[in-house]
Amino acid sequence: MLQVKVLFISFFCSVLFFEEPVNAVSNGELDFRKVIEENSQYVPTKDMCTRRILGGQTVDIEEVPYQVLILKCDDDYWELICGGAIVTDRYVVSAAHCFQTKGMESSYRVVAGTGQAYMCWRRTSEQNVNSRKTFTSEIWRQILNLFTHTYYSKSEHQNDFAVLELDIPVNFSRFVQPIPMMKTSYGIELKDGDLCMVTGFGETEKAKMSRYLRMVCLPFVSRVKCANTFGFRRLTENQFCAGDFGKDCCKGDSGGPITFRGYLVGIVSYGQGGCGQGPGIFTKISAYTTGELIPLSLSQSCVMLSLNILKVVFFVFSIFVHNFVVTNFFVFNRFCA
């Protein structure tokens, strides 16, 4: 009888209290400093904006392997909503405004290792999904935990910063690689006219989402010029300005990376008017890599919610098994006696 109880308690504890892969997550909070520490070991990528300003052209995923797509299921269709950048094998950074519906993270997918986008794709086509995964370098992941900046302001676009924890770490290859995040300690300063590279699948000059990954080199615009020439007078220290007339990011590029000298310096946040009507505003990465604790709020994901529900089911089942075993144990003893 004692052995039965011991087995039951062991089973109960292993099911109800098994450890989840938290890494930098503790008590529902993300210590982004641990992500930064891991990210610091990676080397900068190739600088592709050293010679000229580009109005936009296609780029191979091998040249920007940190780029990811973020898809959302709407009415049983996958749709491209934003971009993001891989910073470790488990974490991706993006824009907070891409995730307005909290608690619905199971409806999102993060797709890495591909230079082709999904404009609108039926969710039930599992056969097609599996075939793409088999014959391409594409990797699909769910969002285990979604963290957005606690002081994100939708109306003022402040702290437009999000960190996505993937359900399964990605395996690095020539198609999937992290990009180091910029730090002020590196001593690299952006100056007026410096060329930064933006990549994404957003709308082109034809007002259609691009099927293929594209890049554009944008000139950095000083705070004074951005305010006086383009009317952005509310920039904070957590933002910067880049772009020009006819050279801009657009719908679908949000959350995607902007790089300088191979470092991730920003995240696509917002613009004014139509695409290409002037520079855009970017969330400055170095504002969040200072070593100070960044307030990031957890939005309970449906993946974790399902996991907790599964724990309860196992608990109820274990009680049933326990009662069944104990009852039959006594019956067996009486019968043998």
Protein backbone atom coordinates (compact mmCIF):
# COMPACT_ATOMS: atom_id res chain seq x y z
CA MET A 1 0.00 0.00 0.00
CA LEU A 2 2.85 2.37 0.82
CA GLN A 3 4.50 1.73 -2.53
CA VAL A 4 1.25 2.60 -4.33
CA LYS A 5 1.03 5.93 -2.49
CA VAL A 6 4.66 6.75 -3.25
CA LEU A 7 4.13 6.01 -6.94
CA PHE A 8 1.00 8.16 -6.98
CA ILE A 9 2.73 11.11 -5.33
CA SER A 10 5.69 10.87 -7.71
CA PHE A 11 3.40 10.75 -10.72
CA PHE A 12 1.33 13.68 -9.43
CA CYS A 13 4.39 15.85 -8.80
CA SER A 14 5.98 15.05 -12.15
CA VAL A 15 2.80 16.01 -14.01
CA LEU A 16 1.63 19.03 -12.06
CA PHE A 17 4.95 20.60 -11.23
CA PHE A 18 7.22 19.70 -14.10
CA GLU A 19 9.52 22.54 -15.10
CA GLU A 20 8.78 24.55 -18.20
CA PRO A 21 11.58 25.91 -20.41
CA VAL A 22 11.83 29.40 -18.95
CA ASN A 23 15.42 30.42 -19.66
CA ALA A 24 15.38 34.18 -18.92
CA VAL A 25 11.75 34.02 -17.74
CA SER A 26 10.98 33.94 -14.04
CA ASN A 27 7.65 34.55 -12.29
CA GLY A 28 6.07 35.76 -15.51
CA GLU A 29 8.78 38.36 -16.13
CA LEU A 30 11.51 38.39 -18.76
CA ASP A 31 14.99 39.45 -17.72
CA PHE A 32 16.04 40.84 -21.08
CA ARG A 33 19.59 41.26 -19.80
CA LYS A 34 20.09 37.50 -20.10
CA VAL A 35 18.94 37.63 -23.71
CA ILE A 36 21.37 40.51 -24.34
CA GLU A 37 24.20 38.57 -22.72
CA GLU A 38 23.64 35.59 -25.02
CA ASN A 39 23.15 37.83 -28.05
CA SER A 40 26.47 39.63 -27.45
CA GLN A 41 28.46 36.57 -28.53
CA TYR A 42 27.25 36.78 -32.14
CA VAL A 43 29.24 38.54 -34.85
CA PRO A 44 27.82 41.34 -37.05
CA THR A 45 26.34 40.40 -40.41
CA LYS A 46 27.50 41.72 -43.77
CA ASP A 47 26.92 45.45 -44.32
CA MET A 48 25.07 45.69 -47.63
CA CYS A 49 24.58 49.48 -47.69
CA THR A 50 28.14 50.70 -48.05
CA ARG A 51 28.00 52.21 -51.53
CA ARG A 52 24.65 53.56 -52.65
CA ILE A 53 21.05 54.23 -51.76
CA LEU A 54 18.74 51.61 -53.19
CA GLY A 55 15.11 52.27 -54.07
CA GLY A 56 14.43 48.65 -53.16
CA GLN A 57 15.36 45.23 -54.51
CA THR A 58 14.92 41.57 -53.68
CA VAL A 59 17.38 39.95 -51.32
CA ASP A 60 18.14 36.32 -50.56
CA ILE A 61 17.40 35.01 -47.06
CA GLU A 62 21.02 33.79 -46.82
CA GLU A 63 22.14 37.43 -46.83
CA VAL A 64 19.74 38.40 -44.03
CA PRO A 65 19.13 35.10 -42.18
CA TYR A 66 17.88 36.88 -39.05
CA GLN A 67 14.69 38.04 -40.82
CA VAL A 68 11.41 36.35 -39.85
CA LEU A 69 7.79 36.66 -40.91
CA ILE A 70 4.98 36.90 -38.39
CA LEU A 71 1.71 35.39 -39.60
CA LYS A 72 -1.73 35.61 -38.05
CA CYS A 73 -4.67 33.33 -38.67
CA ASP A 74 -7.78 35.31 -39.57
CA ASP A 75 -10.95 33.53 -40.74
CA ASP A 76 -8.98 30.31 -41.28
CA TYR A 77 -6.32 32.05 -43.41
CA TRP A 78 -2.70 32.84 -42.59
CA GLU A 79 -1.86 36.46 -43.30
CA LEU A 80 1.43 38.33 -43.10
CA ILE A 81 1.14 41.07 -40.49
CA CYS A 82 4.69 41.94 -39.43
CA GLY A 83 8.35 41.10 -39.47
CA GLY A 84 10.89 40.44 -36.75
CA ALA A 85 14.53 39.64 -36.07
CA ILE A 86 16.15 36.58 -34.49
CA VAL A 87 18.39 37.57 -31.56
CA THR A 88 18.94 34.10 -30.00
CA ASP A 89 17.81 30.60 -30.85
CA ARG A 90 14.71 31.10 -28.67
CA TYR A 91 13.97 34.84 -28.85
CA VAL A 92 12.76 37.19 -31.58
CA VAL A 93 12.28 40.96 -31.27
CA SER A 94 9.50 42.84 -33.03
CA ALA A 95 7.11 45.78 -32.52
CA ALA A 96 4.50 45.85 -29.77
CA HIS A 97 1.84 47.30 -32.08
CA CYS A 98 1.89 44.06 -34.10
CA PHE A 99 0.18 42.25 -31.21
CA GLN A 100 -2.94 44.18 -30.32
CA THR A 101 -5.04 41.14 -29.37
CA LYS A 102 -3.51 39.81 -26.17
CA GLY A 103 -4.10 36.23 -25.13
CA MET A 104 -4.41 35.06 -28.74
CA GLU A 105 -0.79 34.13 -29.37
CA SER A 106 -1.83 30.67 -30.61
CA SER A 107 -3.20 32.40 -33.71
CA TYR A 108 0.32 33.62 -34.62
CA ARG A 109 3.22 31.84 -36.26
CA VAL A 110 6.84 32.92 -36.57
CA VAL A 111 8.42 31.72 -39.81
CA ALA A 112 12.20 31.76 -40.28
CA GLY A 113 14.55 30.67 -43.03
CA THR A 114 12.49 31.81 -46.03
CA GLY A 115 12.59 34.63 -48.54
CA GLN A 116 9.00 34.03 -49.69
CA ALA A 117 5.99 35.50 -47.98
CA TYR A 118 2.44 34.31 -47.41
CA MET A 119 -0.05 36.96 -48.46
CA CYS A 120 -3.19 35.00 -47.70
CA TRP A 121 -3.05 31.26 -47.25
CA ARG A 122 -5.64 28.76 -46.09
CA ARG A 123 -4.85 27.37 -42.66
CA THR A 124 -6.29 23.93 -43.37
CA SER A 125 -3.75 23.25 -46.12
CA GLU A 126 -1.59 21.21 -43.77
CA GLN A 127 -0.30 19.07 -46.61
CA ASN A 128 1.05 22.15 -48.37
CA VAL A 129 2.59 23.42 -45.13
CA ASN A 130 4.37 20.14 -44.50
CA SER A 131 5.63 19.94 -48.08
CA ARG A 132 7.10 23.45 -47.83
CA LYS A 133 8.82 22.55 -44.57
CA THR A 134 10.24 19.42 -46.17
CA PHE A 135 11.59 20.92 -49.38
CA THR A 136 12.67 24.37 -48.14
CA SER A 137 14.70 25.79 -45.28
CA GLU A 138 11.52 27.14 -43.71
CA ILE A 139 10.98 26.81 -39.95
CA TRP A 140 7.61 27.41 -38.27
CA ARG A 141 7.32 28.19 -34.57
CA GLN A 142 4.54 29.11 -32.18
CA ILE A 143 4.85 31.87 -29.59
CA LEU A 144 5.33 30.37 -26.15
CA ASN A 145 5.39 33.74 -24.38
CA LEU A 146 4.82 37.26 -25.68
CA PHE A 147 6.37 40.17 -23.82
CA THR A 148 5.55 43.79 -24.67
CA HIS A 149 7.05 46.88 -23.08
CA THR A 150 5.04 47.76 -19.99
CA TYR A 151 4.95 51.44 -20.98
CA TYR A 152 4.10 50.97 -24.64
CA SER A 153 1.82 53.77 -25.82
CA LYS A 154 -0.23 53.04 -28.91
CA SER A 155 -1.33 56.65 -29.39
CA GLU A 156 2.16 58.12 -29.10
CA HIS A 157 4.10 55.09 -30.45
CA GLN A 158 6.36 55.10 -27.40
CA ASN A 159 8.31 51.95 -26.42
CA ASP A 160 7.04 50.06 -29.46
CA PHE A 161 9.03 47.00 -28.47
CA ALA A 162 8.13 43.31 -28.09
CA VAL A 163 10.06 40.13 -27.35
CA LEU A 164 8.74 36.76 -28.53
CA GLU A 165 9.78 33.54 -26.84
CA LEU A 166 9.46 30.63 -29.26
CA ASP A 167 7.96 27.32 -28.22
CA ILE A 168 10.96 25.42 -29.66
CA PRO A 169 14.45 26.86 -30.25
CA VAL A 170 15.45 27.22 -33.90
CA ASN A 171 18.45 25.40 -35.31
CA PHE A 172 20.95 27.79 -36.85
CA SER A 173 21.95 27.30 -40.48
CA ARG A 174 22.98 29.52 -43.35
CA PHE A 175 19.28 30.43 -43.69
CA VAL A 176 18.63 31.02 -39.98
CA GLN A 177 21.02 33.13 -37.90
CA PRO A 178 20.80 35.65 -35.05
CA ILE A 179 21.88 39.26 -35.42
CA PRO A 180 23.73 41.11 -32.65
CA MET A 181 21.85 44.02 -31.12
CA MET A 182 23.48 47.44 -31.01
CA LYS A 183 24.81 48.74 -27.70
CA THR A 184 25.96 52.26 -26.88
CA SER A 185 29.10 50.69 -25.42
CA TYR A 186 30.18 49.69 -28.93
CA GLY A 187 30.88 53.34 -29.68
CA ILE A 188 29.12 53.26 -33.06
CA GLU A 189 27.06 56.40 -33.69
CA LEU A 190 24.61 56.97 -36.50
CA LYS A 191 25.19 60.28 -38.27
CA ASP A 192 23.02 62.21 -40.68
CA GLY A 193 23.17 60.47 -44.06
CA ASP A 194 24.54 57.15 -42.83
CA LEU A 195 22.91 54.29 -44.74
CA CYS A 196 20.89 51.72 -42.82
CA MET A 197 19.28 48.63 -44.32
CA VAL A 198 15.63 47.70 -43.86
CA THR A 199 14.31 44.32 -44.97
CA GLY A 200 10.78 42.98 -45.18
CA PHE A 201 7.83 41.79 -47.21
CA GLY A 202 5.80 45.00 -46.96
CA GLU A 203 3.95 46.89 -49.68
CA THR A 204 5.92 48.10 -52.67
CA GLU A 205 5.34 51.13 -54.88
CA LYS A 206 2.46 49.19 -56.48
CA ALA A 207 0.63 49.12 -53.12
CA LYS A 208 0.84 45.32 -53.03
CA MET A 209 2.55 43.12 -50.48
CA SER A 210 5.79 41.75 -51.80
CA ARG A 211 5.88 38.02 -52.37
CA TYR A 212 9.65 38.03 -51.99
CA LEU A 213 11.93 39.48 -49.33
CA ARG A 214 13.18 42.94 -50.26
CA MET A 215 15.75 45.38 -48.94
CA VAL A 216 16.22 49.13 -49.11
CA CYS A 217 19.03 51.34 -47.87
CA LEU A 218 17.71 54.36 -45.99
CA PRO A 219 19.66 57.45 -44.92
CA PHE A 220 19.70 58.16 -41.21
CA VAL A 221 18.04 61.50 -40.45
CA SER A 222 19.14 63.63 -37.51
CA ARG A 223 16.61 64.50 -34.83
CA VAL A 224 16.68 68.20 -35.74
CA LYS A 225 16.21 67.57 -39.45
CA CYS A 226 13.49 65.02 -38.82
CA ALA A 227 11.58 67.56 -36.74
CA ASN A 228 12.11 70.65 -38.87
CA THR A 229 11.94 69.16 -42.36
CA PHE A 230 9.51 66.30 -41.88
CA GLY A 231 7.43 67.43 -38.92
CA PHE A 232 8.31 64.69 -36.43
CA ARG A 233 8.56 66.85 -33.32
CA ARG A 234 7.77 64.27 -30.65
CA LEU A 235 10.70 61.90 -31.02
CA THR A 236 12.06 60.49 -27.77
CA GLU A 237 15.44 59.04 -26.91
CA ASN A 238 13.96 55.60 -27.65
CA GLN A 239 13.33 56.43 -31.32
CA PHE A 240 15.16 57.57 -34.43
CA CYS A 241 14.33 58.71 -37.93
CA ALA A 242 15.49 57.25 -41.28
CA GLY A 243 14.37 57.44 -44.89
CA ASP A 244 13.54 59.98 -47.55
CA PHE A 245 10.91 60.71 -50.17
CA GLY A 246 10.44 57.55 -52.23
CA LYS A 247 12.64 55.52 -49.86
CA ASP A 248 10.70 54.13 -46.96
CA CYS A 249 9.30 51.01 -45.33
CA CYS A 250 5.59 50.31 -45.61
CA LYS A 251 2.65 48.22 -44.41
CA GLY A 252 3.80 44.70 -43.57
CA ASP A 253 7.35 45.82 -42.72
CA SER A 254 6.37 46.75 -39.15
CA GLY A 255 8.37 45.00 -36.46
CA GLY A 256 11.07 44.17 -38.98
CA PRO A 257 14.79 44.93 -38.61
CA ILE A 258 16.80 47.99 -39.58
CA THR A 259 20.55 47.39 -39.44
CA PHE A 260 23.77 49.37 -39.57
CA ARG A 261 27.22 47.85 -40.06
CA GLY A 262 25.74 44.43 -39.44
CA TYR A 263 24.10 45.30 -36.10
CA LEU A 264 20.40 45.47 -35.32
CA VAL A 265 19.90 49.17 -34.55
CA GLY A 266 16.13 49.43 -34.73
CA ILE A 267 12.67 48.02 -35.31
CA VAL A 268 10.22 49.41 -37.87
CA SER A 269 7.58 51.34 -35.90
CA TYR A 270 5.50 53.86 -37.89
CA GLY A 271 5.48 56.58 -40.55
CA GLN A 272 3.40 59.52 -41.63
CA GLY A 273 0.95 59.70 -44.50
CA GLY A 274 1.41 57.26 -47.35
CA CYS A 275 4.42 55.02 -47.85
CA GLY A 276 7.39 56.80 -49.39
CA GLN A 277 6.10 60.24 -48.39
CA GLY A 278 9.07 60.81 -46.11
CA PRO A 279 11.18 59.06 -43.49
CA GLY A 280 9.88 56.55 -41.00
CA ILE A 281 10.27 56.24 -37.25
CA PHE A 282 12.09 53.31 -35.69
CA THR A 283 12.37 51.96 -32.16
CA LYS A 284 15.99 52.36 -31.09
CA ILE A 285 17.44 49.04 -29.94
CA SER A 286 20.34 50.56 -27.98
CA ALA A 287 17.78 52.12 -25.61
CA TYR A 288 16.96 48.61 -24.41
CA THR A 289 20.46 47.09 -24.31
CA THR A 290 22.02 49.39 -21.70
CA GLY A 291 22.11 46.68 -19.06
CA GLU A 292 19.25 48.16 -17.07
CA LEU A 293 16.20 46.03 -16.32
CA ILE A 294 13.59 46.59 -19.04
CA PRO A 295 9.94 46.39 -17.89
CA LEU A 296 8.37 43.77 -20.13
CA SER A 297 4.85 42.51 -19.47
CA LEU A 298 3.80 38.94 -20.18
CA SER A 299 0.72 38.22 -22.20
CA GLN A 300 -0.37 34.68 -21.26
CA SER A 301 -0.13 32.67 -24.43
CA CYS A 302 -2.63 30.06 -25.46
CA VAL A 303 0.23 27.58 -25.67
CA MET A 304 0.89 28.01 -21.96
CA LEU A 305 -2.84 28.11 -21.20
CA SER A 306 -3.29 24.77 -22.94
CA LEU A 307 -0.34 23.40 -20.99
CA ASN A 308 -1.93 24.41 -17.70
CA ILE A 309 -5.26 22.88 -18.71
CA LEU A 310 -3.42 19.68 -19.60
CA LYS A 311 -1.89 19.65 -16.13
CA VAL A 312 -5.35 19.80 -14.53
CA VAL A 313 -6.59 16.97 -16.76
CA PHE A 314 -3.59 14.83 -15.78
CA PHE A 315 -4.18 15.65 -12.13
CA VAL A 316 -7.82 14.53 -12.26
CA PHE A 317 -6.82 11.43 -14.20
CA SER A 318 -4.10 10.59 -11.66
CA ILE A 319 -6.62 10.79 -8.81
CA PHE A 320 -8.89 8.40 -10.67
CA VAL A 321 -6.02 5.97 -11.29
CA HIS A 322 -4.96 6.23 -7.66
CA ASN A 323 -8.45 5.41 -6.37
CA PHE A 324 -8.78 2.57 -8.85
CA VAL A 325 -5.43 1.04 -7.87
CA VAL A 326 -6.03 1.39 -4.13
CA THR A 327 -9.55 -0.10 -4.36
CA ASN A 328 -8.37 -3.08 -6.39
CA PHE A 329 -5.41 -3.51 -4.07
CA PHE A 330 -7.75 -4.10 -1.11
CA VAL A 331 -10.00 -6.37 -3.15
CA PHE A 332 -7.00 -8.39 -4.27
CA ASN A 333 -5.71 -8.69 -0.70
CA ARG A 334 -9.11 -9.90 0.60
CA PHE A 335 -9.42 -12.38 -2.25
CA CYS A 336 -5.94 -13.78 -1.63
CA ALA A 337 -6.55 -13.91 2.09
